[in-house]
C-alpha atoms as a PDB file:
ATOM      1  CA  MET A   1      -3.752   2.858 -11.007  1.00  0.00           C
ATOM      2  CA  ASN A   2      -1.178   5.258  -9.573  1.00  0.00           C
ATOM      3  CA  LYS A   3       0.792   3.275  -7.049  1.00  0.00           C
ATOM      4  CA  LEU A   4       2.069   4.952  -3.908  1.00  0.00           C
ATOM      5  CA  GLY A   5       5.814   5.119  -3.349  1.00  0.00           C
ATOM      6  CA  ILE A   6       7.490   3.533  -0.352  1.00  0.00           C
ATOM      7  CA  GLY A   7       7.513   6.203   2.353  1.00  0.00           C
ATOM      8  CA  SER A   8       4.258   7.817   1.205  1.00  0.00           C
ATOM      9  CA  VAL A   9       1.975   8.988   4.004  1.00  0.00           C
ATOM     10  CA  VAL A  10      -1.743   8.430   3.492  1.00  0.00           C
ATOM     11  CA  GLY A  11      -5.025   8.509   5.366  1.00  0.00           C
ATOM     12  CA  VAL A  12      -6.466   4.988   5.434  1.00  0.00           C
ATOM     13  CA  LEU A  13     -10.063   4.162   6.288  1.00  0.00           C
ATOM     14  CA  GLY A  14     -10.053   1.469   8.966  1.00  0.00           C
ATOM     15  CA  THR A  15     -12.703  -1.166   9.628  1.00  0.00           C
ATOM     16  CA  ASP A  16     -13.938   1.017  12.500  1.00  0.00           C
ATOM     17  CA  GLN A  17     -14.574   3.867   9.992  1.00  0.00           C
ATOM     18  CA  GLU A  18     -11.735   5.929  11.516  1.00  0.00           C
ATOM     19  CA  ILE A  19      -9.042   7.393   9.247  1.00  0.00           C
ATOM     20  CA  TYR A  20      -5.509   6.470  10.265  1.00  0.00           C
ATOM     21  CA  LYS A  21      -2.341   8.213   9.079  1.00  0.00           C
ATOM     22  CA  VAL A  22      -0.131   5.450   7.686  1.00  0.00           C
ATOM     23  CA  MET A  23       3.335   5.401   6.094  1.00  0.00           C
ATOM     24  CA  VAL A  24       3.698   2.864   3.253  1.00  0.00           C
ATOM     25  CA  ILE A  25       6.505   0.339   3.893  1.00  0.00           C
ATOM     26  CA  SER A  26       5.707  -2.325   1.291  1.00  0.00           C
ATOM     27  CA  ARG A  27       3.648  -2.906  -1.842  1.00  0.00           C
ATOM     28  CA  SER A  28       1.921  -5.905  -3.460  1.00  0.00           C
ATOM     29  CA  ILE A  29       2.121  -8.352  -0.567  1.00  0.00           C
ATOM     30  CA  MET A  30       0.610 -11.742   0.157  1.00  0.00           C
ATOM     31  CA  VAL A  31      -0.839 -12.244   3.622  1.00  0.00           C
ATOM     32  CA  ASP A  32      -1.625 -15.559   5.298  1.00  0.00           C
ATOM     33  CA  GLY A  33      -5.371 -16.092   5.494  1.00  0.00           C
ATOM     34  CA  VAL A  34      -6.166 -13.467   2.848  1.00  0.00           C
ATOM     35  CA  ASP A  35      -7.059 -14.377  -0.733  1.00  0.00           C
ATOM     36  CA  GLY A  36      -5.146 -12.465  -3.393  1.00  0.00           C
ATOM     37  CA  ILE A  37      -2.550  -9.772  -3.101  1.00  0.00           C
ATOM     38  CA  ILE A  38      -2.895  -6.802  -0.757  1.00  0.00           C
ATOM     39  CA  ASP A  39      -1.817  -3.476  -2.277  1.00  0.00           C
ATOM     40  CA  TYR A  40       0.111  -2.065   0.684  1.00  0.00           C
ATOM     41  CA  ALA A  41       1.492  -2.585   4.157  1.00  0.00           C
ATOM     42  CA  GLY A  42       2.314   0.303   6.423  1.00  0.00           C
ATOM     43  CA  VAL A  43       2.943   1.570   9.917  1.00  0.00           C
ATOM     44  CA  ILE A  44       1.189   4.272  11.926  1.00  0.00           C
ATOM     45  CA  TYR A  45       2.713   7.634  11.148  1.00  0.00           C
ATOM     46  CA  PRO A  46       4.721   9.246  12.772  1.00  0.00           C
ATOM     47  CA  TYR A  47       5.403   6.431  15.254  1.00  0.00           C
ATOM     48  CA  GLY A  48       6.646   3.786  12.809  1.00  0.00           C
ATOM     49  CA  TYR A  49       7.192   0.196  13.859  1.00  0.00           C
ATOM     50  CA  ILE A  50       5.942  -0.591  17.350  1.00  0.00           C
ATOM     51  CA  LYS A  51       7.134  -3.840  18.924  1.00  0.00           C
ATOM     52  CA  ASP A  52       4.634  -6.724  18.691  1.00  0.00           C
ATOM     53  CA  THR A  53       2.282  -4.671  16.481  1.00  0.00           C
ATOM     54  CA  PRO A  54       1.658  -6.115  13.020  1.00  0.00           C
ATOM     55  CA  PRO A  55       1.817  -3.788  10.024  1.00  0.00           C
ATOM     56  CA  ILE A  56      -1.402  -2.268   8.731  1.00  0.00           C
ATOM     57  CA  ILE A  57      -2.474  -3.880   5.471  1.00  0.00           C
ATOM     58  CA  PHE A  58      -4.730  -2.017   3.066  1.00  0.00           C
ATOM     59  CA  ASN A  59      -5.785  -1.678  -0.541  1.00  0.00           C
ATOM     60  CA  GLN A  60      -5.829   1.376  -2.787  1.00  0.00           C
ATOM     61  CA  ASN A  61      -9.603   1.776  -2.357  1.00  0.00           C
ATOM     62  CA  GLN A  62      -9.143   2.353   1.399  1.00  0.00           C
ATOM     63  CA  VAL A  63      -6.919   5.408   0.848  1.00  0.00           C
ATOM     64  CA  GLU A  64      -8.980   8.485   1.711  1.00  0.00           C
ATOM     65  CA  ILE A  65      -6.257  11.134   1.371  1.00  0.00           C
ATOM     66  CA  ILE A  66      -2.624  11.306   0.283  1.00  0.00           C
ATOM     67  CA  HIS A  67      -0.651  13.495   2.686  1.00  0.00           C
ATOM     68  CA  HIS A  68       2.702  12.850   0.987  1.00  0.00           C
ATOM     69  CA  ASN A  69       3.460  10.792  -2.124  1.00  0.00           C
ATOM     70  CA  ALA A  70       7.094   9.741  -1.792  1.00  0.00           C
ATOM     71  CA  LYS A  71       9.460  10.277  -4.675  1.00  0.00           C
ATOM     72  CA  GLN A  72      10.233   7.064  -6.518  1.00  0.00           C
ATOM     73  CA  ASP A  73      13.728   6.120  -7.653  1.00  0.00           C
ATOM     74  CA  ILE A  74      14.340   4.420 -11.001  1.00  0.00           C
ATOM     75  CA  ALA A  75      14.198   0.892  -9.523  1.00  0.00           C
ATOM     76  CA  GLU A  76      10.835   1.599  -7.932  1.00  0.00           C
ATOM     77  CA  GLN A  77       9.515   3.137 -11.170  1.00  0.00           C
ATOM     78  CA  ILE A  78      10.474  -0.035 -13.051  1.00  0.00           C
ATOM     79  CA  LEU A  79       8.828  -2.206 -10.387  1.00  0.00           C
ATOM     80  CA  ILE A  80       5.629  -0.148 -10.650  1.00  0.00           C
ATOM     81  CA  LYS A  81       5.565  -0.626 -14.433  1.00  0.00           C
ATOM     82  CA  ILE A  82       5.947  -4.384 -13.949  1.00  0.00           C
ATOM     83  CA  GLU A  83       3.164  -4.439 -11.315  1.00  0.00           C
ATOM     84  CA  ASP A  84       0.889  -2.423 -13.640  1.00  0.00           C
ATOM     85  CA  LYS A  85       1.531  -4.856 -16.506  1.00  0.00           C
ATOM     86  CA  ILE A  86       0.708  -7.819 -14.232  1.00  0.00           C
ATOM     87  CA  ASP A  87      -2.532  -6.072 -13.190  1.00  0.00           C
ATOM     88  CA  GLN A  88      -3.458  -5.549 -16.863  1.00  0.00           C
ATOM     89  CA  LEU A  89      -2.817  -9.213 -17.672  1.00  0.00           C
ATOM     90  CA  LYS A  90      -4.959 -10.303 -14.700  1.00  0.00           C
ATOM     91  CA  GLU A  91      -7.825  -8.100 -15.886  1.00  0.00           C
ATOM     92  CA  LYS A  92      -7.628  -9.601 -19.393  1.00  0.00           C
ATOM     93  CA  ASN A  93      -7.806 -13.130 -17.960  1.00  0.00           C
ATOM     94  CA  ASP A  94     -10.806 -12.388 -15.697  1.00  0.00           C
END
Protein backbone atom coordinates (compact mmCIF):
# COMPACT_ATOMS: atom_id res chain seq x y z
CA MET A 1 0.00 0.00 0.00
CA ASN A 2 1.33 3.46 -0.83
CA LYS A 3 1.03 5.47 2.33
CA LEU A 4 0.20 9.16 2.16
CA GLY A 5 2.74 11.64 3.49
CA ILE A 6 1.97 14.01 6.34
CA GLY A 7 0.56 17.15 4.71
CA SER A 8 -1.04 15.28 1.80
CA VAL A 9 -4.44 16.60 0.73
CA VAL A 10 -7.03 14.00 -0.23
CA GLY A 11 -10.72 13.63 -0.94
CA VAL A 12 -12.25 11.37 1.71
CA LEU A 13 -15.64 9.70 1.41
CA GLY A 14 -17.61 10.47 4.57
CA THR A 15 -20.34 8.38 6.17
CA ASP A 16 -22.87 10.75 4.58
CA GLN A 17 -21.47 9.84 1.11
CA GLU A 18 -20.03 13.36 0.70
CA ILE A 19 -16.38 13.80 -0.29
CA TYR A 20 -14.41 16.02 2.07
CA LYS A 21 -11.04 17.62 1.30
CA VAL A 22 -8.76 16.59 4.16
CA MET A 23 -5.10 17.27 4.99
CA VAL A 24 -3.29 14.30 6.60
CA ILE A 25 -1.82 15.16 10.02
CA SER A 26 -1.07 11.69 11.39
CA ARG A 27 -0.73 8.07 10.31
CA SER A 28 -1.35 4.66 11.93
CA ILE A 29 -3.29 5.79 14.99
CA MET A 30 -5.27 4.03 17.69
CA VAL A 31 -8.63 5.54 18.59
CA ASP A 32 -10.65 4.88 21.73
CA GLY A 33 -13.70 2.79 20.94
CA VAL A 34 -12.36 1.60 17.58
CA ASP A 35 -10.88 -1.87 17.08
CA GLY A 36 -7.52 -1.93 15.31
CA ILE A 37 -5.43 0.84 13.90
CA ILE A 38 -6.86 3.65 11.78
CA ASP A 39 -4.71 4.58 8.77
CA TYR A 40 -4.95 8.37 9.01
CA ALA A 41 -6.14 11.39 10.93
CA GLY A 42 -6.64 14.73 9.27
CA VAL A 43 -8.23 18.15 9.34
CA ILE A 44 -10.55 19.85 6.86
CA TYR A 45 -8.53 21.57 4.18
CA PRO A 46 -7.84 24.52 3.90
CA TYR A 47 -9.19 25.45 7.35
CA GLY A 48 -6.97 23.19 9.47
CA TYR A 49 -7.60 22.67 13.16
CA ILE A 50 -10.85 24.19 14.39
CA LYS A 51 -11.28 24.54 18.16
CA ASP A 52 -13.36 21.78 19.78
CA THR A 53 -13.55 19.82 16.50
CA PRO A 54 -12.00 16.35 16.61
CA PRO A 55 -9.73 15.28 13.75
CA ILE A 56 -11.22 13.29 10.90
CA ILE A 57 -10.16 9.66 11.05
CA PHE A 58 -10.17 7.53 7.92
CA ASN A 59 -8.66 4.50 6.24
CA GLN A 60 -6.95 4.19 2.87
CA ASN A 61 -10.07 2.66 1.30
CA GLN A 62 -12.03 5.87 1.99
CA VAL A 63 -9.65 8.00 -0.10
CA GLU A 64 -11.45 8.86 -3.34
CA ILE A 65 -8.86 11.23 -4.83
CA ILE A 66 -5.37 12.46 -4.01
CA HIS A 67 -5.13 16.21 -4.60
CA HIS A 68 -1.56 16.49 -3.31
CA ASN A 69 0.77 13.75 -2.06
CA ALA A 70 3.24 15.47 0.25
CA LYS A 71 6.93 14.89 -0.19
CA GLN A 72 8.35 12.56 2.44
CA ASP A 73 11.64 13.20 4.20
CA ILE A 74 14.05 10.36 5.01
CA ALA A 75 12.63 9.81 8.52
CA GLU A 76 9.12 9.47 7.14
CA GLN A 77 10.32 7.10 4.40
CA ILE A 78 11.90 4.86 7.05
CA LEU A 79 8.72 4.96 9.14
CA ILE A 80 6.65 3.96 6.10
CA LYS A 81 8.94 0.98 5.45
CA ILE A 82 8.53 -0.11 9.08
CA GLU A 83 4.72 0.29 8.88
CA ASP A 84 4.66 -1.73 5.62
CA LYS A 85 6.70 -4.52 7.23
CA ILE A 86 4.32 -4.61 10.22
CA ASP A 87 1.36 -4.83 7.80
CA GLN A 88 3.03 -7.75 5.98
CA LEU A 89 3.64 -9.60 9.26
CA LYS A 90 0.00 -9.07 10.30
CA GLU A 91 -1.22 -10.50 6.99
CA LYS A 92 0.99 -13.58 7.42
CA ASN A 93 -0.43 -14.18 10.91
CA ASP A 94 -4.08 -13.83 9.82
